[in-house]
Amino acid sequence: MQNTTDQIRCIVCEKECQEGITVLAEFICRDCEAEIVNTDVRDKKYAYFVLQMKNIWTRDISDQLS
């Protein structure tokens, strides 16, 4: 878990936050993490979260190929 006094931009909500997790060098704030974990697959937000997670993986692969 990220615990610093610096504000880091969340890849999901794009807000500046202090606490959350880092997934493949991308930050997800604590609120978004909780929402992702608790969102039902039938919820419209689920597709958005899947897209954001895909973006994390895509960026990581692109960085590895560079």
PDB file of N, CA and C in Angstrom:
ATOM      1  N   MET A   1       0.836  -1.175   0.000  1.00  0.00           N
ATOM      2  CA  MET A   1       0.000   0.000   0.000  1.00  0.00           C
ATOM      3  C   MET A   1       0.880   1.237   0.000  1.00  0.00           C
ATOM      4  N   GLN A   2       0.476   2.218  -0.789  1.00  0.00           N
ATOM      5  CA  GLN A   2       1.191   3.479  -0.883  1.00  0.00           C
ATOM      6  C   GLN A   2       0.839   4.317   0.329  1.00  0.00           C
ATOM      7  N   ASN A   3       1.807   4.795   1.054  1.00  0.00           N
ATOM      8  CA  ASN A   3       1.555   5.621   2.226  1.00  0.00           C
ATOM      9  C   ASN A   3       2.593   6.729   2.274  1.00  0.00           C
ATOM     10  N   THR A   4       2.368   7.806   1.557  1.00  0.00           N
ATOM     11  CA  THR A   4       3.310   8.910   1.539  1.00  0.00           C
ATOM     12  C   THR A   4       2.559  10.206   1.746  1.00  0.00           C
ATOM     13  N   THR A   5       3.296  11.278   1.965  1.00  0.00           N
ATOM     14  CA  THR A   5       2.669  12.586   2.078  1.00  0.00           C
ATOM     15  C   THR A   5       2.462  13.197   0.706  1.00  0.00           C
ATOM     16  N   ASP A   6       3.064  12.642  -0.328  1.00  0.00           N
ATOM     17  CA  ASP A   6       2.886  13.137  -1.684  1.00  0.00           C
ATOM     18  C   ASP A   6       1.549  12.688  -2.241  1.00  0.00           C
ATOM     19  N   GLN A   7       0.940  13.537  -3.012  1.00  0.00           N
ATOM     20  CA  GLN A   7      -0.307  13.204  -3.684  1.00  0.00           C
ATOM     21  C   GLN A   7       0.035  12.477  -4.987  1.00  0.00           C
ATOM     22  N   ILE A   8      -0.668  11.398  -5.262  1.00  0.00           N
ATOM     23  CA  ILE A   8      -0.453  10.615  -6.466  1.00  0.00           C
ATOM     24  C   ILE A   8      -1.781  10.539  -7.202  1.00  0.00           C
ATOM     25  N   ARG A   9      -1.758  10.662  -8.522  1.00  0.00           N
ATOM     26  CA  ARG A   9      -2.994  10.638  -9.312  1.00  0.00           C
ATOM     27  C   ARG A   9      -3.460   9.203  -9.526  1.00  0.00           C
ATOM     28  N   CYS A  10      -4.718   8.959  -9.189  1.00  0.00           N
ATOM     29  CA  CYS A  10      -5.336   7.647  -9.357  1.00  0.00           C
ATOM     30  C   CYS A  10      -5.639   7.424 -10.843  1.00  0.00           C
ATOM     31  N   ILE A  11      -5.298   6.253 -11.358  1.00  0.00           N
ATOM     32  CA  ILE A  11      -5.552   5.942 -12.762  1.00  0.00           C
ATOM     33  C   ILE A  11      -7.040   5.760 -13.048  1.00  0.00           C
ATOM     34  N   VAL A  12      -7.842   5.494 -12.042  1.00  0.00           N
ATOM     35  CA  VAL A  12      -9.269   5.256 -12.247  1.00  0.00           C
ATOM     36  C   VAL A  12     -10.059   6.568 -12.177  1.00  0.00           C
ATOM     37  N   CYS A  13      -9.974   7.271 -11.059  1.00  0.00           N
ATOM     38  CA  CYS A  13     -10.771   8.489 -10.876  1.00  0.00           C
ATOM     39  C   CYS A  13      -9.996   9.761 -11.226  1.00  0.00           C
ATOM     40  N   GLU A  14      -8.703   9.642 -11.393  1.00  0.00           N
ATOM     41  CA  GLU A  14      -7.805  10.745 -11.749  1.00  0.00           C
ATOM     42  C   GLU A  14      -7.706  11.821 -10.674  1.00  0.00           C
ATOM     43  N   LYS A  15      -8.125  11.490  -9.451  1.00  0.00           N
ATOM     44  CA  LYS A  15      -7.974  12.421  -8.336  1.00  0.00           C
ATOM     45  C   LYS A  15      -6.613  12.223  -7.692  1.00  0.00           C
ATOM     46  N   GLU A  16      -6.123  13.274  -7.059  1.00  0.00           N
ATOM     47  CA  GLU A  16      -4.881  13.210  -6.318  1.00  0.00           C
ATOM     48  C   GLU A  16      -5.174  12.624  -4.938  1.00  0.00           C
ATOM     49  N   CYS A  17      -4.471  11.569  -4.563  1.00  0.00           N
ATOM     50  CA  CYS A  17      -4.711  10.873  -3.297  1.00  0.00           C
ATOM     51  C   CYS A  17      -3.380  10.524  -2.637  1.00  0.00           C
ATOM     52  N   GLN A  18      -3.458  10.142  -1.380  1.00  0.00           N
ATOM     53  CA  GLN A  18      -2.272   9.732  -0.642  1.00  0.00           C
ATOM     54  C   GLN A  18      -2.229   8.234  -0.401  1.00  0.00           C
ATOM     55  N   GLU A  19      -3.376   7.606  -0.259  1.00  0.00           N
ATOM     56  CA  GLU A  19      -3.392   6.194   0.109  1.00  0.00           C
ATOM     57  C   GLU A  19      -4.061   5.357  -0.966  1.00  0.00           C
ATOM     58  N   GLY A  20      -3.456   4.201  -1.240  1.00  0.00           N
ATOM     59  CA  GLY A  20      -4.003   3.290  -2.230  1.00  0.00           C
ATOM     60  C   GLY A  20      -3.011   2.187  -2.524  1.00  0.00           C
ATOM     61  N   ILE A  21      -3.166   1.583  -3.688  1.00  0.00           N
ATOM     62  CA  ILE A  21      -2.283   0.486  -4.089  1.00  0.00           C
ATOM     63  C   ILE A  21      -1.629   0.821  -5.422  1.00  0.00           C
ATOM     64  N   THR A  22      -0.522   0.158  -5.678  1.00  0.00           N
ATOM     65  CA  THR A  22       0.163   0.301  -6.951  1.00  0.00           C
ATOM     66  C   THR A  22       0.091  -1.039  -7.669  1.00  0.00           C
ATOM     67  N   VAL A  23      -0.397  -0.995  -8.909  1.00  0.00           N
ATOM     68  CA  VAL A  23      -0.491  -2.182  -9.748  1.00  0.00           C
ATOM     69  C   VAL A  23       0.334  -1.909 -10.997  1.00  0.00           C
ATOM     70  N   LEU A  24       1.413  -2.670 -11.172  1.00  0.00           N
ATOM     71  CA  LEU A  24       2.297  -2.487 -12.323  1.00  0.00           C
ATOM     72  C   LEU A  24       2.660  -1.018 -12.526  1.00  0.00           C
ATOM     73  N   ALA A  25       3.088  -0.377 -11.475  1.00  0.00           N
ATOM     74  CA  ALA A  25       3.555   1.010 -11.449  1.00  0.00           C
ATOM     75  C   ALA A  25       2.441   2.039 -11.644  1.00  0.00           C
ATOM     76  N   GLU A  26       1.189   1.625 -11.616  1.00  0.00           N
ATOM     77  CA  GLU A  26       0.056   2.550 -11.721  1.00  0.00           C
ATOM     78  C   GLU A  26      -0.677   2.575 -10.381  1.00  0.00           C
ATOM     79  N   PHE A  27      -1.066   3.769  -9.949  1.00  0.00           N
ATOM     80  CA  PHE A  27      -1.687   3.966  -8.640  1.00  0.00           C
ATOM     81  C   PHE A  27      -3.208   3.900  -8.730  1.00  0.00           C
ATOM     82  N   ILE A  28      -3.824   3.199  -7.776  1.00  0.00           N
ATOM     83  CA  ILE A  28      -5.282   3.150  -7.617  1.00  0.00           C
ATOM     84  C   ILE A  28      -5.578   3.560  -6.184  1.00  0.00           C
ATOM     85  N   CYS A  29      -6.385   4.613  -6.019  1.00  0.00           N
ATOM     86  CA  CYS A  29      -6.677   5.101  -4.671  1.00  0.00           C
ATOM     87  C   CYS A  29      -7.515   4.079  -3.903  1.00  0.00           C
ATOM     88  N   ARG A  30      -7.536   4.249  -2.608  1.00  0.00           N
ATOM     89  CA  ARG A  30      -8.242   3.322  -1.728  1.00  0.00           C
ATOM     90  C   ARG A  30      -9.742   3.273  -2.049  1.00  0.00           C
ATOM     91  N   ASP A  31     -10.352   4.416  -2.350  1.00  0.00           N
ATOM     92  CA  ASP A  31     -11.783   4.445  -2.660  1.00  0.00           C
ATOM     93  C   ASP A  31     -12.090   3.668  -3.941  1.00  0.00           C
ATOM     94  N   CYS A  32     -11.280   3.863  -4.974  1.00  0.00           N
ATOM     95  CA  CYS A  32     -11.495   3.149  -6.238  1.00  0.00           C
ATOM     96  C   CYS A  32     -11.224   1.658  -6.074  1.00  0.00           C
ATOM     97  N   GLU A  33     -10.207   1.318  -5.317  1.00  0.00           N
ATOM     98  CA  GLU A  33      -9.919  -0.095  -5.059  1.00  0.00           C
ATOM     99  C   GLU A  33     -11.139  -0.771  -4.440  1.00  0.00           C
ATOM    100  N   ALA A  34     -11.733  -0.136  -3.420  1.00  0.00           N
ATOM    101  CA  ALA A  34     -12.901  -0.702  -2.757  1.00  0.00           C
ATOM    102  C   ALA A  34     -14.082  -0.805  -3.724  1.00  0.00           C
ATOM    103  N   GLU A  35     -14.265   0.211  -4.546  1.00  0.00           N
ATOM    104  CA  GLU A  35     -15.375   0.189  -5.503  1.00  0.00           C
ATOM    105  C   GLU A  35     -15.178  -0.908  -6.556  1.00  0.00           C
ATOM    106  N   ILE A  36     -13.947  -1.073  -7.034  1.00  0.00           N
ATOM    107  CA  ILE A  36     -13.654  -2.126  -8.014  1.00  0.00           C
ATOM    108  C   ILE A  36     -13.965  -3.495  -7.426  1.00  0.00           C
ATOM    109  N   VAL A  37     -13.497  -3.725  -6.226  1.00  0.00           N
ATOM    110  CA  VAL A  37     -13.674  -5.025  -5.582  1.00  0.00           C
ATOM    111  C   VAL A  37     -15.148  -5.333  -5.328  1.00  0.00           C
ATOM    112  N   ASN A  38     -15.942  -4.311  -5.044  1.00  0.00           N
ATOM    113  CA  ASN A  38     -17.341  -4.523  -4.674  1.00  0.00           C
ATOM    114  C   ASN A  38     -18.338  -4.324  -5.815  1.00  0.00           C
ATOM    115  N   THR A  39     -17.870  -4.034  -7.020  1.00  0.00           N
ATOM    116  CA  THR A  39     -18.772  -3.811  -8.148  1.00  0.00           C
ATOM    117  C   THR A  39     -19.179  -5.142  -8.776  1.00  0.00           C
ATOM    118  N   ASP A  40     -20.466  -5.308  -8.933  1.00  0.00           N
ATOM    119  CA  ASP A  40     -21.007  -6.515  -9.563  1.00  0.00           C
ATOM    120  C   ASP A  40     -20.712  -6.480 -11.065  1.00  0.00           C
ATOM    121  N   VAL A  41     -20.465  -7.627 -11.652  1.00  0.00           N
ATOM    122  CA  VAL A  41     -20.129  -7.696 -13.081  1.00  0.00           C
ATOM    123  C   VAL A  41     -21.263  -7.198 -13.968  1.00  0.00           C
ATOM    124  N   ARG A  42     -22.472  -7.142 -13.454  1.00  0.00           N
ATOM    125  CA  ARG A  42     -23.612  -6.661 -14.245  1.00  0.00           C
ATOM    126  C   ARG A  42     -23.767  -5.140 -14.165  1.00  0.00           C
ATOM    127  N   ASP A  43     -23.005  -4.505 -13.286  1.00  0.00           N
ATOM    128  CA  ASP A  43     -23.061  -3.055 -13.120  1.00  0.00           C
ATOM    129  C   ASP A  43     -22.355  -2.385 -14.301  1.00  0.00           C
ATOM    130  N   LYS A  44     -22.898  -1.253 -14.759  1.00  0.00           N
ATOM    131  CA  LYS A  44     -22.295  -0.533 -15.891  1.00  0.00           C
ATOM    132  C   LYS A  44     -20.874  -0.069 -15.587  1.00  0.00           C
ATOM    133  N   LYS A  45     -20.580   0.215 -14.333  1.00  0.00           N
ATOM    134  CA  LYS A  45     -19.239   0.663 -13.946  1.00  0.00           C
ATOM    135  C   LYS A  45     -18.197  -0.435 -14.145  1.00  0.00           C
ATOM    136  N   TYR A  46     -18.636  -1.675 -14.114  1.00  0.00           N
ATOM    137  CA  TYR A  46     -17.709  -2.798 -14.224  1.00  0.00           C
ATOM    138  C   TYR A  46     -16.905  -2.728 -15.525  1.00  0.00           C
ATOM    139  N   ALA A  47     -17.567  -2.428 -16.633  1.00  0.00           N
ATOM    140  CA  ALA A  47     -16.884  -2.333 -17.928  1.00  0.00           C
ATOM    141  C   ALA A  47     -15.812  -1.235 -17.899  1.00  0.00           C
ATOM    142  N   TYR A  48     -16.102  -0.121 -17.231  1.00  0.00           N
ATOM    143  CA  TYR A  48     -15.118   0.952 -17.104  1.00  0.00           C
ATOM    144  C   TYR A  48     -13.908   0.489 -16.305  1.00  0.00           C
ATOM    145  N   PHE A  49     -14.146  -0.219 -15.214  1.00  0.00           N
ATOM    146  CA  PHE A  49     -13.037  -0.712 -14.402  1.00  0.00           C
ATOM    147  C   PHE A  49     -12.188  -1.713 -15.187  1.00  0.00           C
ATOM    148  N   VAL A  50     -12.840  -2.556 -15.968  1.00  0.00           N
ATOM    149  CA  VAL A  50     -12.105  -3.513 -16.803  1.00  0.00           C
ATOM    150  C   VAL A  50     -11.226  -2.761 -17.795  1.00  0.00           C
ATOM    151  N   LEU A  51     -11.754  -1.713 -18.400  1.00  0.00           N
ATOM    152  CA  LEU A  51     -10.980  -0.914 -19.350  1.00  0.00           C
ATOM    153  C   LEU A  51      -9.771  -0.276 -18.672  1.00  0.00           C
ATOM    154  N   GLN A  52      -9.961   0.262 -17.481  1.00  0.00           N
ATOM    155  CA  GLN A  52      -8.846   0.883 -16.763  1.00  0.00           C
ATOM    156  C   GLN A  52      -7.778  -0.154 -16.411  1.00  0.00           C
ATOM    157  N   MET A  53      -8.184  -1.327 -16.004  1.00  0.00           N
ATOM    158  CA  MET A  53      -7.220  -2.387 -15.688  1.00  0.00           C
ATOM    159  C   MET A  53      -6.488  -2.823 -16.964  1.00  0.00           C
ATOM    160  N   LYS A  54      -7.210  -2.896 -18.070  1.00  0.00           N
ATOM    161  CA  LYS A  54      -6.590  -3.233 -19.355  1.00  0.00           C
ATOM    162  C   LYS A  54      -5.534  -2.192 -19.722  1.00  0.00           C
ATOM    163  N   ASN A  55      -5.840  -0.916 -19.468  1.00  0.00           N
ATOM    164  CA  ASN A  55      -4.874   0.148 -19.750  1.00  0.00           C
ATOM    165  C   ASN A  55      -3.593  -0.027 -18.941  1.00  0.00           C
ATOM    166  N   ILE A  56      -3.730  -0.470 -17.702  1.00  0.00           N
ATOM    167  CA  ILE A  56      -2.542  -0.726 -16.874  1.00  0.00           C
ATOM    168  C   ILE A  56      -1.688  -1.811 -17.519  1.00  0.00           C
ATOM    169  N   TRP A  57      -2.310  -2.913 -17.918  1.00  0.00           N
ATOM    170  CA  TRP A  57      -1.568  -4.019 -18.530  1.00  0.00           C
ATOM    171  C   TRP A  57      -0.944  -3.593 -19.846  1.00  0.00           C
ATOM    172  N   THR A  58      -1.694  -2.841 -20.659  1.00  0.00           N
ATOM    173  CA  THR A  58      -1.200  -2.397 -21.960  1.00  0.00           C
ATOM    174  C   THR A  58       0.011  -1.485 -21.801  1.00  0.00           C
ATOM    175  N   ARG A  59      -0.053  -0.561 -20.869  1.00  0.00           N
ATOM    176  CA  ARG A  59       1.084   0.342 -20.609  1.00  0.00           C
ATOM    177  C   ARG A  59       2.309  -0.450 -20.161  1.00  0.00           C
ATOM    178  N   ASP A  60       2.084  -1.446 -19.301  1.00  0.00           N
ATOM    179  CA  ASP A  60       3.200  -2.251 -18.818  1.00  0.00           C
ATOM    180  C   ASP A  60       3.857  -3.005 -19.958  1.00  0.00           C
ATOM    181  N   ILE A  61       3.073  -3.597 -20.820  1.00  0.00           N
ATOM    182  CA  ILE A  61       3.623  -4.346 -21.959  1.00  0.00           C
ATOM    183  C   ILE A  61       4.364  -3.406 -22.888  1.00  0.00           C
ATOM    184  N   SER A  62       3.784  -2.221 -23.159  1.00  0.00           N
ATOM    185  CA  SER A  62       4.446  -1.244 -24.021  1.00  0.00           C
ATOM    186  C   SER A  62       5.782  -0.795 -23.425  1.00  0.00           C
ATOM    187  N   ASP A  63       5.806  -0.592 -22.121  1.00  0.00           N
ATOM    188  CA  ASP A  63       7.050  -0.187 -21.455  1.00  0.00           C
ATOM    189  C   ASP A  63       8.102  -1.287 -21.560  1.00  0.00           C
ATOM    190  N   GLN A  64       7.692  -2.540 -21.471  1.00  0.00           N
ATOM    191  CA  GLN A  64       8.633  -3.640 -21.568  1.00  0.00           C
ATOM    192  C   GLN A  64       9.207  -3.778 -22.974  1.00  0.00           C
ATOM    193  N   LEU A  65       8.436  -3.435 -23.984  1.00  0.00           N
ATOM    194  CA  LEU A  65       8.882  -3.566 -25.364  1.00  0.00           C
ATOM    195  C   LEU A  65       9.745  -2.385 -25.800  1.00  0.00           C
ATOM    196  N   SER A  66       9.687  -1.283 -25.057  1.00  0.00           N
ATOM    197  CA  SER A  66      10.464  -0.084 -25.411  1.00  0.00           C
ATOM    198  C   SER A  66      11.921  -0.226 -25.080  1.00  0.00           C
TER     199      SER A  66
END
